[in-house]
Amino acid sequence: HLTRITQLKKLLAYGKLKQAKEFIDNTIENEKLVVFANHIEIQKTLHELYPNALKIDSTTSQVKRQEIVNEYQNNPDQKLIILSLMSCNAGLTLTSASKMLILEYLWSPLLMSQAQDRIHRIGTKDTVNIYNMIAMDTIESQEIFPLLMEKLDTITQILDGVEIDSENNMQVSF
């Protein structure tokens, strides 16, 4: 069952590539963007679409990672970086970008939150915008993303004593 879900998630990601490309093209005209994907094939496809983009995945050494991060952070002409969700959800600071596109999702809301924190760091001056690309009327929108939000709500209640009221978009302390 999990293998089928994994294959469905990959197919959904392929199905979102046209809209992702449109979003990426529009964004990098004027500003930097961080894109997260999970499947290696999706990351490779994105890099084929954007051969000048920087990329960090599981094969990138620690030394090379830092070189890539430095290039992205310090070069205003370097507008796009493509990252692996599993390999890059922690330990990178990419505050030169204020926009992020998440194309695929992991099962852990904490890992997803960690990924978002790559651009939302202490000292960040610009407003940060995280865009979650979700395929509507699919397993992603009906099961995967709601499950992630439910898990996040449970974690938030346990750790912070705060319940997320998603219908009214507010926090309720207890």
N, C-alpha and C. Protein backbone atom coordinates (compact mmCIF):
# COMPACT_ATOMS: atom_id res chain seq x y z
N HIS A 1 0.82 -1.20 0.00
CA HIS A 1 0.00 0.00 0.00
C HIS A 1 0.87 1.26 0.00
N LEU A 2 1.91 1.27 0.84
CA LEU A 2 2.79 2.45 0.89
C LEU A 2 3.55 2.65 -0.41
N THR A 3 3.91 1.55 -1.06
CA THR A 3 4.59 1.65 -2.36
C THR A 3 3.68 2.31 -3.38
N ARG A 4 2.42 1.95 -3.38
CA ARG A 4 1.46 2.57 -4.30
C ARG A 4 1.30 4.05 -4.01
N ILE A 5 1.22 4.40 -2.74
CA ILE A 5 1.09 5.80 -2.37
C ILE A 5 2.32 6.58 -2.81
N THR A 6 3.49 6.00 -2.63
CA THR A 6 4.73 6.65 -3.06
C THR A 6 4.71 6.89 -4.57
N GLN A 7 4.28 5.89 -5.33
CA GLN A 7 4.19 6.06 -6.78
C GLN A 7 3.16 7.13 -7.16
N LEU A 8 2.04 7.16 -6.45
CA LEU A 8 1.02 8.20 -6.69
C LEU A 8 1.60 9.59 -6.41
N LYS A 9 2.35 9.70 -5.32
CA LYS A 9 2.94 11.00 -4.98
C LYS A 9 3.91 11.46 -6.07
N LYS A 10 4.68 10.53 -6.62
CA LYS A 10 5.60 10.88 -7.69
C LYS A 10 4.84 11.30 -8.95
N LEU A 11 3.79 10.57 -9.29
CA LEU A 11 2.96 10.94 -10.44
C LEU A 11 2.33 12.32 -10.26
N LEU A 12 1.87 12.58 -9.04
CA LEU A 12 1.30 13.90 -8.76
C LEU A 12 2.34 15.00 -8.97
N ALA A 13 3.56 14.74 -8.54
CA ALA A 13 4.62 15.74 -8.71
C ALA A 13 4.88 16.00 -10.19
N TYR A 14 4.94 14.94 -10.99
CA TYR A 14 5.10 15.12 -12.43
C TYR A 14 3.94 15.93 -13.00
N GLY A 15 2.74 15.66 -12.51
CA GLY A 15 1.56 16.38 -12.98
C GLY A 15 1.57 17.86 -12.63
N LYS A 16 2.32 18.22 -11.59
CA LYS A 16 2.38 19.62 -11.15
C LYS A 16 3.52 20.40 -11.81
N LEU A 17 4.35 19.74 -12.59
CA LEU A 17 5.53 20.41 -13.14
C LEU A 17 5.20 21.59 -14.05
N LYS A 18 4.15 21.50 -14.84
CA LYS A 18 3.79 22.61 -15.73
C LYS A 18 3.46 23.86 -14.91
N GLN A 19 2.62 23.70 -13.89
CA GLN A 19 2.26 24.84 -13.04
C GLN A 19 3.46 25.31 -12.23
N ALA A 20 4.29 24.37 -11.79
CA ALA A 20 5.49 24.74 -11.04
C ALA A 20 6.41 25.58 -11.92
N LYS A 21 6.59 25.17 -13.17
CA LYS A 21 7.46 25.93 -14.08
C LYS A 21 6.94 27.34 -14.27
N GLU A 22 5.64 27.47 -14.44
CA GLU A 22 5.04 28.79 -14.60
C GLU A 22 5.29 29.65 -13.36
N PHE A 23 5.09 29.07 -12.18
CA PHE A 23 5.33 29.79 -10.93
C PHE A 23 6.80 30.18 -10.80
N ILE A 24 7.69 29.24 -11.08
CA ILE A 24 9.13 29.49 -10.97
C ILE A 24 9.53 30.61 -11.94
N ASP A 25 9.10 30.49 -13.19
CA ASP A 25 9.45 31.51 -14.20
C ASP A 25 9.01 32.90 -13.75
N ASN A 26 7.78 33.01 -13.27
CA ASN A 26 7.26 34.31 -12.83
C ASN A 26 8.02 34.85 -11.62
N THR A 27 8.41 33.97 -10.73
CA THR A 27 9.08 34.41 -9.52
C THR A 27 10.51 34.85 -9.78
N ILE A 28 11.27 34.04 -10.52
CA ILE A 28 12.70 34.33 -10.68
C ILE A 28 12.99 35.48 -11.63
N GLU A 29 11.93 36.01 -12.27
CA GLU A 29 12.13 37.23 -13.05
C GLU A 29 12.59 38.37 -12.14
N ASN A 30 12.07 38.39 -10.91
CA ASN A 30 12.32 39.52 -10.01
C ASN A 30 12.96 39.17 -8.69
N GLU A 31 12.89 37.92 -8.28
CA GLU A 31 13.42 37.59 -6.95
C GLU A 31 13.87 36.14 -6.87
N LYS A 32 14.53 35.85 -5.76
CA LYS A 32 15.06 34.51 -5.53
C LYS A 32 13.97 33.57 -5.05
N LEU A 33 14.20 32.28 -5.33
CA LEU A 33 13.24 31.25 -4.96
C LEU A 33 13.98 29.98 -4.55
N VAL A 34 13.47 29.36 -3.50
CA VAL A 34 13.95 28.05 -3.06
C VAL A 34 12.85 27.05 -3.40
N VAL A 35 13.21 25.96 -4.10
CA VAL A 35 12.25 24.93 -4.46
C VAL A 35 12.66 23.62 -3.80
N PHE A 36 11.71 23.01 -3.10
CA PHE A 36 11.92 21.71 -2.47
C PHE A 36 11.13 20.64 -3.21
N ALA A 37 11.79 19.51 -3.48
CA ALA A 37 11.14 18.33 -4.04
C ALA A 37 11.69 17.11 -3.30
N ASN A 38 10.95 16.04 -3.35
CA ASN A 38 11.35 14.84 -2.61
C ASN A 38 11.98 13.78 -3.51
N HIS A 39 11.34 13.45 -4.61
CA HIS A 39 11.83 12.37 -5.46
C HIS A 39 13.01 12.82 -6.32
N ILE A 40 14.00 11.96 -6.41
CA ILE A 40 15.21 12.28 -7.18
C ILE A 40 14.86 12.61 -8.62
N GLU A 41 13.93 11.85 -9.20
CA GLU A 41 13.56 12.09 -10.60
C GLU A 41 12.94 13.47 -10.79
N ILE A 42 12.17 13.91 -9.84
CA ILE A 42 11.55 15.25 -9.92
C ILE A 42 12.63 16.31 -9.80
N GLN A 43 13.57 16.12 -8.87
CA GLN A 43 14.67 17.07 -8.72
C GLN A 43 15.47 17.16 -10.01
N LYS A 44 15.76 16.01 -10.63
CA LYS A 44 16.52 15.99 -11.88
C LYS A 44 15.75 16.69 -13.00
N THR A 45 14.46 16.45 -13.07
CA THR A 45 13.63 17.09 -14.10
C THR A 45 13.64 18.60 -13.93
N LEU A 46 13.50 19.06 -12.69
CA LEU A 46 13.56 20.50 -12.44
C LEU A 46 14.91 21.08 -12.86
N HIS A 47 15.97 20.34 -12.56
CA HIS A 47 17.30 20.83 -12.92
C HIS A 47 17.50 20.83 -14.44
N GLU A 48 16.87 19.89 -15.13
CA GLU A 48 16.92 19.90 -16.59
C GLU A 48 16.17 21.12 -17.14
N LEU A 49 15.06 21.48 -16.50
CA LEU A 49 14.30 22.66 -16.93
C LEU A 49 15.07 23.95 -16.63
N TYR A 50 15.86 23.92 -15.56
CA TYR A 50 16.63 25.09 -15.12
C TYR A 50 18.09 24.69 -14.92
N PRO A 51 18.83 24.49 -16.00
CA PRO A 51 20.21 24.01 -15.89
C PRO A 51 21.16 24.97 -15.18
N ASN A 52 20.82 26.25 -15.12
CA ASN A 52 21.68 27.22 -14.42
C ASN A 52 21.34 27.33 -12.94
N ALA A 53 20.29 26.64 -12.50
CA ALA A 53 19.91 26.69 -11.09
C ALA A 53 20.93 25.91 -10.26
N LEU A 54 21.08 26.34 -9.03
CA LEU A 54 21.90 25.59 -8.09
C LEU A 54 21.08 24.42 -7.58
N LYS A 55 21.77 23.36 -7.15
CA LYS A 55 21.07 22.16 -6.71
C LYS A 55 21.87 21.49 -5.59
N ILE A 56 21.15 21.06 -4.56
CA ILE A 56 21.75 20.27 -3.49
C ILE A 56 20.86 19.05 -3.28
N ASP A 57 21.50 17.88 -3.33
CA ASP A 57 20.77 16.64 -3.07
C ASP A 57 21.64 15.72 -2.21
N SER A 58 21.24 14.48 -2.10
CA SER A 58 21.94 13.54 -1.21
C SER A 58 23.36 13.23 -1.67
N THR A 59 23.70 13.52 -2.91
CA THR A 59 25.04 13.24 -3.40
C THR A 59 26.01 14.42 -3.19
N THR A 60 25.50 15.54 -2.74
CA THR A 60 26.33 16.74 -2.57
C THR A 60 27.11 16.67 -1.27
N SER A 61 28.43 16.81 -1.36
CA SER A 61 29.27 16.76 -0.15
C SER A 61 29.03 17.98 0.73
N GLN A 62 29.41 17.89 1.99
CA GLN A 62 29.25 19.01 2.92
C GLN A 62 30.01 20.24 2.45
N VAL A 63 31.21 20.06 1.96
CA VAL A 63 32.01 21.19 1.48
C VAL A 63 31.32 21.84 0.28
N LYS A 64 30.87 21.03 -0.65
CA LYS A 64 30.19 21.56 -1.84
C LYS A 64 28.87 22.24 -1.47
N ARG A 65 28.14 21.68 -0.47
CA ARG A 65 26.90 22.30 0.00
C ARG A 65 27.15 23.74 0.42
N GLN A 66 28.19 23.93 1.23
CA GLN A 66 28.47 25.28 1.72
C GLN A 66 28.86 26.21 0.58
N GLU A 67 29.60 25.70 -0.40
CA GLU A 67 29.95 26.52 -1.56
C GLU A 67 28.68 26.95 -2.32
N ILE A 68 27.75 26.01 -2.47
CA ILE A 68 26.50 26.30 -3.18
C ILE A 68 25.67 27.31 -2.39
N VAL A 69 25.58 27.11 -1.08
CA VAL A 69 24.83 28.05 -0.24
C VAL A 69 25.45 29.44 -0.33
N ASN A 70 26.77 29.53 -0.24
CA ASN A 70 27.44 30.83 -0.34
C ASN A 70 27.16 31.50 -1.68
N GLU A 71 27.20 30.73 -2.75
CA GLU A 71 26.91 31.27 -4.08
C GLU A 71 25.48 31.80 -4.14
N TYR A 72 24.54 31.04 -3.62
CA TYR A 72 23.14 31.45 -3.64
C TYR A 72 22.92 32.69 -2.78
N GLN A 73 23.51 32.69 -1.60
CA GLN A 73 23.32 33.81 -0.67
C GLN A 73 23.95 35.11 -1.19
N ASN A 74 25.10 35.01 -1.83
CA ASN A 74 25.89 36.20 -2.15
C ASN A 74 25.80 36.68 -3.60
N ASN A 75 25.26 35.86 -4.49
CA ASN A 75 25.18 36.25 -5.89
C ASN A 75 23.75 36.66 -6.24
N PRO A 76 23.51 37.96 -6.44
CA PRO A 76 22.15 38.41 -6.73
C PRO A 76 21.60 37.87 -8.05
N ASP A 77 22.48 37.41 -8.93
CA ASP A 77 22.03 36.87 -10.21
C ASP A 77 21.60 35.41 -10.11
N GLN A 78 21.96 34.76 -9.02
CA GLN A 78 21.59 33.36 -8.81
C GLN A 78 20.21 33.32 -8.16
N LYS A 79 19.17 33.12 -8.96
CA LYS A 79 17.79 33.28 -8.49
C LYS A 79 17.12 32.01 -8.02
N LEU A 80 17.65 30.83 -8.38
CA LEU A 80 16.94 29.59 -8.10
C LEU A 80 17.86 28.53 -7.52
N ILE A 81 17.36 27.89 -6.47
CA ILE A 81 18.04 26.73 -5.91
C ILE A 81 17.02 25.62 -5.72
N ILE A 82 17.39 24.41 -6.16
CA ILE A 82 16.52 23.24 -6.08
C ILE A 82 17.10 22.31 -5.02
N LEU A 83 16.27 21.97 -4.03
CA LEU A 83 16.76 21.21 -2.89
C LEU A 83 15.97 19.92 -2.67
N SER A 84 16.66 18.94 -2.15
CA SER A 84 16.04 17.69 -1.74
C SER A 84 15.43 17.88 -0.35
N LEU A 85 14.16 17.50 -0.21
CA LEU A 85 13.51 17.61 1.10
C LEU A 85 14.23 16.80 2.17
N MET A 86 14.63 15.60 1.84
CA MET A 86 15.27 14.73 2.83
C MET A 86 16.68 15.19 3.18
N SER A 87 17.41 15.69 2.22
CA SER A 87 18.81 16.05 2.44
C SER A 87 19.01 17.48 2.92
N CYS A 88 18.03 18.34 2.71
CA CYS A 88 18.26 19.76 2.96
C CYS A 88 17.23 20.40 3.88
N ASN A 89 16.54 19.61 4.68
CA ASN A 89 15.52 20.21 5.54
C ASN A 89 16.11 20.82 6.80
N ALA A 90 17.41 20.67 7.00
CA ALA A 90 18.06 21.28 8.17
C ALA A 90 19.49 21.66 7.81
N GLY A 91 20.01 22.61 8.57
CA GLY A 91 21.42 22.95 8.44
C GLY A 91 21.80 23.93 7.36
N LEU A 92 20.84 24.44 6.61
CA LEU A 92 21.14 25.42 5.57
C LEU A 92 20.45 26.74 5.90
N THR A 93 21.14 27.84 5.63
CA THR A 93 20.56 29.16 5.79
C THR A 93 20.49 29.80 4.41
N LEU A 94 19.26 30.07 3.97
CA LEU A 94 19.04 30.62 2.64
C LEU A 94 18.17 31.88 2.72
N THR A 95 18.57 32.78 3.59
CA THR A 95 17.77 33.97 3.87
C THR A 95 17.81 35.02 2.76
N SER A 96 18.60 34.80 1.72
CA SER A 96 18.56 35.75 0.61
C SER A 96 17.28 35.59 -0.20
N ALA A 97 16.55 34.49 0.04
CA ALA A 97 15.24 34.27 -0.59
C ALA A 97 14.15 34.54 0.42
N SER A 98 13.04 35.05 -0.06
CA SER A 98 11.88 35.22 0.81
C SER A 98 10.69 34.41 0.30
N LYS A 99 10.92 33.62 -0.77
CA LYS A 99 9.87 32.76 -1.31
C LYS A 99 10.37 31.34 -1.44
N MET A 100 9.46 30.41 -1.13
CA MET A 100 9.77 28.99 -1.24
C MET A 100 8.58 28.28 -1.87
N LEU A 101 8.89 27.34 -2.75
CA LEU A 101 7.87 26.48 -3.34
C LEU A 101 8.14 25.06 -2.87
N ILE A 102 7.13 24.45 -2.27
CA ILE A 102 7.23 23.05 -1.87
C ILE A 102 6.37 22.26 -2.84
N LEU A 103 7.03 21.43 -3.63
CA LEU A 103 6.36 20.69 -4.70
C LEU A 103 5.86 19.32 -4.24
N GLU A 104 6.56 18.73 -3.26
CA GLU A 104 6.19 17.41 -2.75
C GLU A 104 6.23 17.44 -1.23
N TYR A 105 5.69 16.40 -0.63
CA TYR A 105 5.55 16.39 0.84
C TYR A 105 6.07 15.11 1.45
N LEU A 106 6.70 15.27 2.61
CA LEU A 106 7.11 14.13 3.42
C LEU A 106 5.97 13.81 4.39
N TRP A 107 6.07 12.69 5.08
CA TRP A 107 5.03 12.30 6.03
C TRP A 107 5.17 13.02 7.36
N SER A 108 6.31 13.63 7.61
CA SER A 108 6.56 14.27 8.90
C SER A 108 6.37 15.78 8.82
N PRO A 109 5.42 16.34 9.58
CA PRO A 109 5.25 17.80 9.57
C PRO A 109 6.46 18.51 10.18
N LEU A 110 7.20 17.85 11.07
CA LEU A 110 8.37 18.50 11.64
C LEU A 110 9.47 18.66 10.59
N LEU A 111 9.66 17.67 9.74
CA LEU A 111 10.64 17.80 8.66
C LEU A 111 10.20 18.86 7.66
N MET A 112 8.91 18.95 7.40
CA MET A 112 8.40 19.97 6.50
C MET A 112 8.62 21.37 7.11
N SER A 113 8.38 21.49 8.39
CA SER A 113 8.59 22.75 9.09
C SER A 113 10.07 23.13 9.07
N GLN A 114 10.93 22.14 9.27
CA GLN A 114 12.38 22.39 9.21
C GLN A 114 12.77 22.92 7.84
N ALA A 115 12.19 22.35 6.79
CA ALA A 115 12.49 22.81 5.43
C ALA A 115 12.10 24.28 5.27
N GLN A 116 10.93 24.63 5.79
CA GLN A 116 10.47 26.02 5.69
C GLN A 116 11.40 26.97 6.44
N ASP A 117 12.00 26.48 7.50
CA ASP A 117 12.89 27.31 8.29
C ASP A 117 14.19 27.66 7.58
N ARG A 118 14.45 27.08 6.43
CA ARG A 118 15.69 27.42 5.69
C ARG A 118 15.67 28.88 5.27
N ILE A 119 14.50 29.46 5.00
CA ILE A 119 14.44 30.88 4.63
C ILE A 119 13.85 31.73 5.74
N HIS A 120 13.24 31.12 6.70
CA HIS A 120 12.62 31.85 7.81
C HIS A 120 13.49 31.67 9.05
N ARG A 121 14.51 32.51 9.17
CA ARG A 121 15.51 32.38 10.22
C ARG A 121 15.53 33.64 11.08
N ILE A 122 16.16 33.53 12.24
CA ILE A 122 16.36 34.71 13.08
C ILE A 122 17.14 35.73 12.27
N GLY A 123 16.68 36.95 12.30
CA GLY A 123 17.33 38.01 11.55
C GLY A 123 16.74 38.25 10.17
N THR A 124 15.79 37.41 9.77
CA THR A 124 15.14 37.60 8.48
C THR A 124 14.37 38.92 8.51
N LYS A 125 14.61 39.76 7.52
CA LYS A 125 14.00 41.08 7.50
C LYS A 125 12.77 41.14 6.60
N ASP A 126 12.78 40.36 5.52
CA ASP A 126 11.65 40.39 4.58
C ASP A 126 10.56 39.43 5.02
N THR A 127 9.36 39.70 4.53
CA THR A 127 8.25 38.77 4.74
C THR A 127 8.56 37.50 3.98
N VAL A 128 8.32 36.37 4.63
CA VAL A 128 8.58 35.07 4.02
C VAL A 128 7.26 34.48 3.52
N ASN A 129 7.28 33.98 2.30
CA ASN A 129 6.10 33.35 1.71
C ASN A 129 6.44 31.92 1.31
N ILE A 130 5.69 30.97 1.86
CA ILE A 130 5.87 29.56 1.54
C ILE A 130 4.67 29.14 0.70
N TYR A 131 4.92 28.62 -0.48
CA TYR A 131 3.86 28.18 -1.37
C TYR A 131 3.86 26.65 -1.43
N ASN A 132 2.77 26.06 -1.00
CA ASN A 132 2.59 24.61 -1.06
C ASN A 132 1.77 24.30 -2.31
N MET A 133 2.37 23.60 -3.26
CA MET A 133 1.65 23.23 -4.46
C MET A 133 0.97 21.89 -4.20
N ILE A 134 -0.36 21.92 -4.17
CA ILE A 134 -1.15 20.74 -3.84
C ILE A 134 -2.06 20.41 -5.01
N ALA A 135 -2.03 19.16 -5.46
CA ALA A 135 -2.90 18.72 -6.55
C ALA A 135 -4.30 18.50 -6.00
N MET A 136 -5.24 19.31 -6.46
CA MET A 136 -6.61 19.27 -5.95
C MET A 136 -7.33 17.99 -6.38
N ASP A 137 -8.26 17.56 -5.53
CA ASP A 137 -9.08 16.38 -5.79
C ASP A 137 -8.25 15.12 -6.02
N THR A 138 -7.17 15.00 -5.26
CA THR A 138 -6.30 13.82 -5.34
C THR A 138 -6.01 13.33 -3.93
N ILE A 139 -5.28 12.25 -3.83
CA ILE A 139 -4.87 11.74 -2.53
C ILE A 139 -4.07 12.79 -1.75
N GLU A 140 -3.38 13.65 -2.49
CA GLU A 140 -2.58 14.69 -1.85
C GLU A 140 -3.44 15.71 -1.12
N SER A 141 -4.50 16.19 -1.78
CA SER A 141 -5.35 17.21 -1.17
C SER A 141 -6.36 16.62 -0.20
N GLN A 142 -6.74 15.38 -0.41
CA GLN A 142 -7.78 14.79 0.42
C GLN A 142 -7.26 13.97 1.59
N GLU A 143 -6.01 13.48 1.49
CA GLU A 143 -5.50 12.64 2.56
C GLU A 143 -4.13 13.07 3.09
N ILE A 144 -3.18 13.26 2.21
CA ILE A 144 -1.80 13.52 2.65
C ILE A 144 -1.68 14.86 3.36
N PHE A 145 -2.10 15.94 2.69
CA PHE A 145 -1.95 17.27 3.30
C PHE A 145 -2.81 17.41 4.57
N PRO A 146 -4.08 16.97 4.57
CA PRO A 146 -4.86 17.03 5.81
C PRO A 146 -4.21 16.22 6.95
N LEU A 147 -3.63 15.08 6.63
CA LEU A 147 -2.94 14.29 7.66
C LEU A 147 -1.74 15.04 8.22
N LEU A 148 -0.99 15.70 7.35
CA LEU A 148 0.14 16.53 7.81
C LEU A 148 -0.34 17.63 8.75
N MET A 149 -1.43 18.29 8.40
CA MET A 149 -1.97 19.37 9.23
C MET A 149 -2.48 18.82 10.57
N GLU A 150 -3.09 17.66 10.55
CA GLU A 150 -3.57 17.04 11.78
C GLU A 150 -2.40 16.68 12.70
N LYS A 151 -1.34 16.12 12.12
CA LYS A 151 -0.15 15.79 12.90
C LYS A 151 0.48 17.06 13.48
N LEU A 152 0.56 18.11 12.67
CA LEU A 152 1.13 19.37 13.12
C LEU A 152 0.32 19.95 14.27
N ASP A 153 -1.00 19.87 14.17
CA ASP A 153 -1.87 20.35 15.23
C ASP A 153 -1.61 19.59 16.53
N THR A 154 -1.49 18.28 16.45
CA THR A 154 -1.23 17.46 17.63
C THR A 154 0.11 17.82 18.25
N ILE A 155 1.13 17.97 17.42
CA ILE A 155 2.47 18.33 17.93
C ILE A 155 2.44 19.70 18.59
N THR A 156 1.75 20.64 17.95
CA THR A 156 1.65 22.00 18.51
C THR A 156 0.94 21.98 19.85
N GLN A 157 -0.13 21.20 19.95
CA GLN A 157 -0.86 21.10 21.23
C GLN A 157 0.04 20.54 22.33
N ILE A 158 0.80 19.52 22.01
CA ILE A 158 1.66 18.87 23.00
C ILE A 158 2.82 19.79 23.42
N LEU A 159 3.49 20.38 22.45
CA LEU A 159 4.68 21.16 22.75
C LEU A 159 4.39 22.57 23.23
N ASP A 160 3.38 23.21 22.67
CA ASP A 160 3.13 24.62 22.97
C ASP A 160 1.87 24.87 23.78
N GLY A 161 1.04 23.85 23.95
CA GLY A 161 -0.22 24.07 24.64
C GLY A 161 -1.15 24.94 23.83
N VAL A 162 -1.04 24.86 22.49
CA VAL A 162 -1.86 25.68 21.60
C VAL A 162 -2.56 24.76 20.61
N GLU A 163 -3.85 24.97 20.45
CA GLU A 163 -4.61 24.22 19.48
C GLU A 163 -4.88 25.10 18.27
N ILE A 164 -4.70 24.55 17.08
CA ILE A 164 -4.95 25.30 15.85
C ILE A 164 -6.41 25.10 15.46
N ASP A 165 -7.15 26.18 15.36
CA ASP A 165 -8.53 26.14 14.90
C ASP A 165 -8.49 26.46 13.41
N SER A 166 -8.38 25.42 12.58
CA SER A 166 -8.18 25.63 11.15
C SER A 166 -9.39 26.26 10.47
N GLU A 167 -10.59 26.06 11.01
CA GLU A 167 -11.77 26.67 10.39
C GLU A 167 -11.75 28.19 10.51
N ASN A 168 -11.28 28.69 11.64
CA ASN A 168 -11.24 30.14 11.87
C ASN A 168 -9.85 30.73 11.78
N ASN A 169 -8.87 29.87 11.41
CA ASN A 169 -7.49 30.30 11.23
C ASN A 169 -6.96 31.06 12.44
N MET A 170 -7.09 30.45 13.61
CA MET A 170 -6.61 31.09 14.83
C MET A 170 -6.08 30.05 15.81
N GLN A 171 -5.32 30.51 16.78
CA GLN A 171 -4.78 29.63 17.81
C GLN A 171 -5.57 29.80 19.09
N VAL A 172 -5.79 28.68 19.75
CA VAL A 172 -6.51 28.69 21.02
C VAL A 172 -5.59 28.09 22.07
N SER A 173 -5.22 28.88 23.07
CA SER A 173 -4.34 28.39 24.15
C SER A 173 -5.15 27.65 25.18
N PHE A 174 -4.50 26.64 25.80
CA PHE A 174 -5.17 25.93 26.90
C PHE A 174 -4.19 25.63 27.98
